[in-house]
Amino acid sequence: MPTPLGVRVRELRGKRGLTLEALAARVGSSKSYMWEIENKDVARPSAEILHRIAAALETTAEYLLAADEGTEADAADIAFFRRYRQMKPRGKRQLREILRILDDEEE
């Protein structure tokens, strides 16, 4: 029985049009290991492999590991805010200005 991680990996792999072989190549892992992640209740992959899987699937590790029904967009927002909080003050000001400009354009 697959874990929530396996279900999400399979779902996103399908949405991205990737075969198991293509995902494995992007991750730098074997096709059989990717199959195990998708289909078996195996131990979680290492943090490094998990981040490679997330990058290959254009998502976040948080989304792949989430036990709740949060959406991929929710996980991306959380990851974005975490990265924002680590920015230097100048970068934060610039990003807030960009957001202000984009908000003004929507009106």
N, C-alpha and C. Protein backbone atom coordinates (compact mmCIF):
# COMPACT_ATOMS: atom_id res chain seq x y z
N MET A 1 0.84 -1.19 0.00
CA MET A 1 0.00 0.00 0.00
C MET A 1 0.88 1.25 0.00
N PRO A 2 0.65 2.16 -0.93
CA PRO A 2 1.49 3.36 -1.01
C PRO A 2 1.22 4.33 0.13
N THR A 3 2.24 5.10 0.45
CA THR A 3 2.12 6.15 1.46
C THR A 3 1.55 7.41 0.80
N PRO A 4 1.14 8.40 1.59
CA PRO A 4 0.73 9.67 0.97
C PRO A 4 1.82 10.25 0.07
N LEU A 5 3.08 10.07 0.46
CA LEU A 5 4.19 10.51 -0.38
C LEU A 5 4.12 9.83 -1.74
N GLY A 6 3.94 8.50 -1.74
CA GLY A 6 3.88 7.75 -2.99
C GLY A 6 2.72 8.17 -3.86
N VAL A 7 1.58 8.41 -3.23
CA VAL A 7 0.39 8.84 -3.98
C VAL A 7 0.66 10.18 -4.65
N ARG A 8 1.25 11.11 -3.91
CA ARG A 8 1.51 12.44 -4.49
C ARG A 8 2.57 12.39 -5.57
N VAL A 9 3.60 11.59 -5.37
CA VAL A 9 4.64 11.47 -6.41
C VAL A 9 4.03 10.92 -7.69
N ARG A 10 3.22 9.87 -7.58
CA ARG A 10 2.60 9.27 -8.77
C ARG A 10 1.67 10.27 -9.45
N GLU A 11 0.87 10.97 -8.65
CA GLU A 11 -0.07 11.95 -9.20
C GLU A 11 0.65 13.05 -9.96
N LEU A 12 1.68 13.62 -9.35
CA LEU A 12 2.42 14.71 -10.00
C LEU A 12 3.21 14.22 -11.20
N ARG A 13 3.76 13.02 -11.10
CA ARG A 13 4.50 12.46 -12.23
C ARG A 13 3.57 12.34 -13.44
N GLY A 14 2.35 11.89 -13.20
CA GLY A 14 1.36 11.78 -14.27
C GLY A 14 0.99 13.14 -14.84
N LYS A 15 0.78 14.12 -13.97
CA LYS A 15 0.44 15.47 -14.43
C LYS A 15 1.56 16.07 -15.27
N ARG A 16 2.80 15.75 -14.92
CA ARG A 16 3.94 16.31 -15.65
C ARG A 16 4.31 15.49 -16.89
N GLY A 17 3.60 14.38 -17.09
CA GLY A 17 3.84 13.54 -18.26
C GLY A 17 5.17 12.81 -18.21
N LEU A 18 5.61 12.45 -17.02
CA LEU A 18 6.89 11.76 -16.86
C LEU A 18 6.69 10.26 -16.65
N THR A 19 7.55 9.48 -17.25
CA THR A 19 7.57 8.05 -16.97
C THR A 19 8.40 7.83 -15.70
N LEU A 20 8.32 6.63 -15.16
CA LEU A 20 9.17 6.31 -14.00
C LEU A 20 10.64 6.48 -14.37
N GLU A 21 11.01 6.05 -15.58
CA GLU A 21 12.40 6.18 -16.03
C GLU A 21 12.83 7.64 -16.10
N ALA A 22 11.96 8.49 -16.64
CA ALA A 22 12.31 9.91 -16.76
C ALA A 22 12.45 10.55 -15.38
N LEU A 23 11.54 10.22 -14.46
CA LEU A 23 11.64 10.76 -13.11
C LEU A 23 12.93 10.29 -12.45
N ALA A 24 13.21 9.00 -12.57
CA ALA A 24 14.43 8.45 -11.97
C ALA A 24 15.68 9.14 -12.52
N ALA A 25 15.69 9.40 -13.83
CA ALA A 25 16.84 10.08 -14.44
C ALA A 25 17.00 11.49 -13.88
N ARG A 26 15.89 12.20 -13.73
CA ARG A 26 15.95 13.57 -13.19
C ARG A 26 16.40 13.57 -11.73
N VAL A 27 16.03 12.55 -11.00
CA VAL A 27 16.35 12.46 -9.58
C VAL A 27 17.77 11.91 -9.38
N GLY A 28 18.25 11.13 -10.34
CA GLY A 28 19.55 10.48 -10.19
C GLY A 28 19.41 9.22 -9.36
N SER A 29 18.31 8.53 -9.56
CA SER A 29 18.00 7.32 -8.82
C SER A 29 17.61 6.22 -9.81
N SER A 30 17.26 5.07 -9.29
CA SER A 30 16.85 3.98 -10.17
C SER A 30 15.34 3.98 -10.37
N LYS A 31 14.93 3.42 -11.50
CA LYS A 31 13.50 3.29 -11.79
C LYS A 31 12.82 2.44 -10.72
N SER A 32 13.49 1.40 -10.27
CA SER A 32 12.89 0.51 -9.27
C SER A 32 12.69 1.22 -7.93
N TYR A 33 13.61 2.11 -7.57
CA TYR A 33 13.45 2.86 -6.32
C TYR A 33 12.27 3.83 -6.43
N MET A 34 12.12 4.48 -7.56
CA MET A 34 10.99 5.38 -7.76
C MET A 34 9.68 4.59 -7.70
N TRP A 35 9.67 3.38 -8.27
CA TRP A 35 8.48 2.54 -8.22
C TRP A 35 8.15 2.18 -6.78
N GLU A 36 9.18 1.85 -5.99
CA GLU A 36 8.96 1.53 -4.58
C GLU A 36 8.38 2.71 -3.82
N ILE A 37 8.89 3.90 -4.07
CA ILE A 37 8.35 5.09 -3.39
C ILE A 37 6.88 5.27 -3.74
N GLU A 38 6.53 5.07 -4.99
CA GLU A 38 5.15 5.25 -5.41
C GLU A 38 4.21 4.14 -4.93
N ASN A 39 4.70 2.94 -4.79
CA ASN A 39 3.81 1.80 -4.60
C ASN A 39 3.93 1.04 -3.28
N LYS A 40 4.96 1.26 -2.52
CA LYS A 40 5.15 0.50 -1.29
C LYS A 40 5.19 1.42 -0.09
N ASP A 41 4.95 0.83 1.05
CA ASP A 41 5.05 1.55 2.31
C ASP A 41 6.49 1.43 2.80
N VAL A 42 7.37 2.18 2.15
CA VAL A 42 8.80 2.12 2.46
C VAL A 42 9.20 3.29 3.34
N ALA A 43 10.37 3.19 3.92
CA ALA A 43 10.89 4.31 4.70
C ALA A 43 11.02 5.54 3.80
N ARG A 44 10.90 6.68 4.40
CA ARG A 44 11.03 7.91 3.62
C ARG A 44 12.42 8.01 3.00
N PRO A 45 12.49 8.59 1.83
CA PRO A 45 13.81 8.78 1.22
C PRO A 45 14.60 9.82 2.01
N SER A 46 15.89 9.87 1.76
CA SER A 46 16.73 10.87 2.42
C SER A 46 16.26 12.26 2.03
N ALA A 47 16.64 13.24 2.82
CA ALA A 47 16.26 14.63 2.54
C ALA A 47 16.76 15.05 1.16
N GLU A 48 17.96 14.62 0.82
CA GLU A 48 18.53 14.99 -0.47
C GLU A 48 17.70 14.41 -1.62
N ILE A 49 17.35 13.14 -1.53
CA ILE A 49 16.54 12.51 -2.58
C ILE A 49 15.15 13.15 -2.63
N LEU A 50 14.57 13.41 -1.47
CA LEU A 50 13.26 14.03 -1.42
C LEU A 50 13.27 15.39 -2.12
N HIS A 51 14.29 16.18 -1.88
CA HIS A 51 14.38 17.49 -2.54
C HIS A 51 14.61 17.35 -4.04
N ARG A 52 15.33 16.33 -4.45
CA ARG A 52 15.51 16.09 -5.89
C ARG A 52 14.20 15.68 -6.55
N ILE A 53 13.43 14.83 -5.85
CA ILE A 53 12.13 14.42 -6.37
C ILE A 53 11.23 15.64 -6.50
N ALA A 54 11.20 16.48 -5.46
CA ALA A 54 10.37 17.68 -5.48
C ALA A 54 10.78 18.59 -6.64
N ALA A 55 12.07 18.78 -6.83
CA ALA A 55 12.55 19.64 -7.92
C ALA A 55 12.16 19.05 -9.28
N ALA A 56 12.31 17.74 -9.42
CA ALA A 56 11.96 17.08 -10.69
C ALA A 56 10.48 17.20 -10.99
N LEU A 57 9.65 17.24 -9.94
CA LEU A 57 8.21 17.34 -10.11
C LEU A 57 7.69 18.78 -10.01
N GLU A 58 8.63 19.72 -9.90
CA GLU A 58 8.29 21.15 -9.83
C GLU A 58 7.33 21.45 -8.69
N THR A 59 7.67 20.94 -7.50
CA THR A 59 6.86 21.17 -6.31
C THR A 59 7.79 21.33 -5.12
N THR A 60 7.26 21.20 -3.92
CA THR A 60 8.06 21.32 -2.72
C THR A 60 8.07 20.01 -1.95
N ALA A 61 9.12 19.82 -1.18
CA ALA A 61 9.19 18.63 -0.33
C ALA A 61 8.07 18.65 0.70
N GLU A 62 7.71 19.84 1.16
CA GLU A 62 6.62 19.97 2.14
C GLU A 62 5.32 19.41 1.59
N TYR A 63 5.04 19.72 0.34
CA TYR A 63 3.81 19.21 -0.27
C TYR A 63 3.86 17.69 -0.38
N LEU A 64 4.99 17.16 -0.78
CA LEU A 64 5.10 15.71 -0.94
C LEU A 64 4.92 14.98 0.38
N LEU A 65 5.37 15.58 1.48
CA LEU A 65 5.30 14.93 2.79
C LEU A 65 4.05 15.24 3.58
N ALA A 66 3.28 16.23 3.15
CA ALA A 66 2.12 16.66 3.93
C ALA A 66 1.14 15.51 4.13
N ALA A 67 0.74 15.32 5.37
CA ALA A 67 -0.22 14.27 5.69
C ALA A 67 -1.66 14.75 5.50
N ASP A 68 -1.84 16.07 5.48
CA ASP A 68 -3.20 16.61 5.35
C ASP A 68 -3.57 16.76 3.88
N GLU A 69 -4.72 17.31 3.65
CA GLU A 69 -5.21 17.48 2.29
C GLU A 69 -4.84 18.84 1.69
N GLY A 70 -3.80 19.47 2.23
CA GLY A 70 -3.37 20.75 1.69
C GLY A 70 -3.06 20.64 0.20
N THR A 71 -3.19 21.73 -0.48
CA THR A 71 -2.94 21.73 -1.92
C THR A 71 -1.48 22.01 -2.21
N GLU A 72 -1.09 21.72 -3.41
CA GLU A 72 0.28 22.01 -3.84
C GLU A 72 0.54 23.51 -3.78
N ALA A 73 -0.47 24.32 -4.12
CA ALA A 73 -0.32 25.77 -4.06
C ALA A 73 -0.09 26.23 -2.62
N ASP A 74 -0.79 25.62 -1.66
CA ASP A 74 -0.59 25.97 -0.25
C ASP A 74 0.87 25.71 0.16
N ALA A 75 1.40 24.57 -0.24
CA ALA A 75 2.78 24.22 0.10
C ALA A 75 3.76 25.19 -0.54
N ALA A 76 3.48 25.58 -1.78
CA ALA A 76 4.36 26.53 -2.46
C ALA A 76 4.33 27.89 -1.76
N ASP A 77 3.16 28.31 -1.29
CA ASP A 77 3.06 29.57 -0.57
C ASP A 77 3.86 29.53 0.73
N ILE A 78 3.78 28.43 1.44
CA ILE A 78 4.53 28.28 2.69
C ILE A 78 6.03 28.32 2.41
N ALA A 79 6.46 27.61 1.39
CA ALA A 79 7.87 27.61 1.03
C ALA A 79 8.33 29.00 0.61
N PHE A 80 7.47 29.72 -0.13
CA PHE A 80 7.80 31.08 -0.55
C PHE A 80 7.97 31.99 0.66
N PHE A 81 7.05 31.92 1.60
CA PHE A 81 7.14 32.77 2.78
C PHE A 81 8.37 32.43 3.62
N ARG A 82 8.69 31.16 3.72
CA ARG A 82 9.89 30.76 4.47
C ARG A 82 11.13 31.38 3.82
N ARG A 83 11.17 31.35 2.50
CA ARG A 83 12.31 31.94 1.79
C ARG A 83 12.32 33.46 1.96
N TYR A 84 11.16 34.09 1.91
CA TYR A 84 11.04 35.53 2.10
C TYR A 84 11.60 35.93 3.46
N ARG A 85 11.26 35.17 4.48
CA ARG A 85 11.71 35.51 5.83
C ARG A 85 13.22 35.46 5.97
N GLN A 86 13.90 34.74 5.11
CA GLN A 86 15.36 34.63 5.17
C GLN A 86 16.07 35.69 4.32
N MET A 87 15.30 36.47 3.59
CA MET A 87 15.88 37.49 2.72
C MET A 87 16.42 38.66 3.52
N LYS A 88 17.35 39.38 2.92
CA LYS A 88 17.87 40.61 3.52
C LYS A 88 16.82 41.70 3.36
N PRO A 89 16.87 42.74 4.22
CA PRO A 89 15.85 43.80 4.17
C PRO A 89 15.67 44.44 2.79
N ARG A 90 16.76 44.64 2.06
CA ARG A 90 16.64 45.26 0.74
C ARG A 90 15.81 44.39 -0.20
N GLY A 91 16.07 43.10 -0.21
CA GLY A 91 15.32 42.19 -1.06
C GLY A 91 13.85 42.15 -0.67
N LYS A 92 13.58 42.20 0.63
CA LYS A 92 12.18 42.21 1.09
C LYS A 92 11.46 43.47 0.60
N ARG A 93 12.15 44.62 0.70
CA ARG A 93 11.54 45.88 0.22
C ARG A 93 11.24 45.79 -1.27
N GLN A 94 12.18 45.26 -2.04
CA GLN A 94 11.99 45.15 -3.49
C GLN A 94 10.82 44.22 -3.81
N LEU A 95 10.73 43.14 -3.11
CA LEU A 95 9.65 42.19 -3.35
C LEU A 95 8.29 42.79 -2.98
N ARG A 96 8.24 43.52 -1.89
CA ARG A 96 6.99 44.19 -1.50
C ARG A 96 6.59 45.23 -2.54
N GLU A 97 7.56 45.92 -3.10
CA GLU A 97 7.28 46.92 -4.14
C GLU A 97 6.74 46.23 -5.40
N ILE A 98 7.33 45.13 -5.78
CA ILE A 98 6.83 44.38 -6.93
C ILE A 98 5.39 43.94 -6.68
N LEU A 99 5.11 43.45 -5.50
CA LEU A 99 3.75 43.03 -5.17
C LEU A 99 2.78 44.21 -5.22
N ARG A 100 3.20 45.36 -4.73
CA ARG A 100 2.35 46.55 -4.78
C ARG A 100 2.04 46.91 -6.22
N ILE A 101 3.04 46.87 -7.10
CA ILE A 101 2.84 47.19 -8.51
C ILE A 101 1.88 46.20 -9.15
N LEU A 102 2.05 44.92 -8.86
CA LEU A 102 1.16 43.91 -9.44
C LEU A 102 -0.27 44.08 -8.93
N ASP A 103 -0.43 44.41 -7.67
CA ASP A 103 -1.77 44.65 -7.14
C ASP A 103 -2.43 45.85 -7.81
N ASP A 104 -1.66 46.90 -8.08
CA ASP A 104 -2.19 48.09 -8.73
C ASP A 104 -2.63 47.78 -10.16
N GLU A 105 -1.92 46.89 -10.83
CA GLU A 105 -2.26 46.53 -12.22
C GLU A 105 -3.57 45.74 -12.30
N GLU A 106 -3.93 45.02 -11.24
CA GLU A 106 -5.14 44.21 -11.26
C GLU A 106 -6.39 45.05 -11.12
N GLU A 107 -6.27 46.25 -10.66
CA GLU A 107 -7.46 47.09 -10.44
C GLU A 107 -7.96 47.73 -11.69
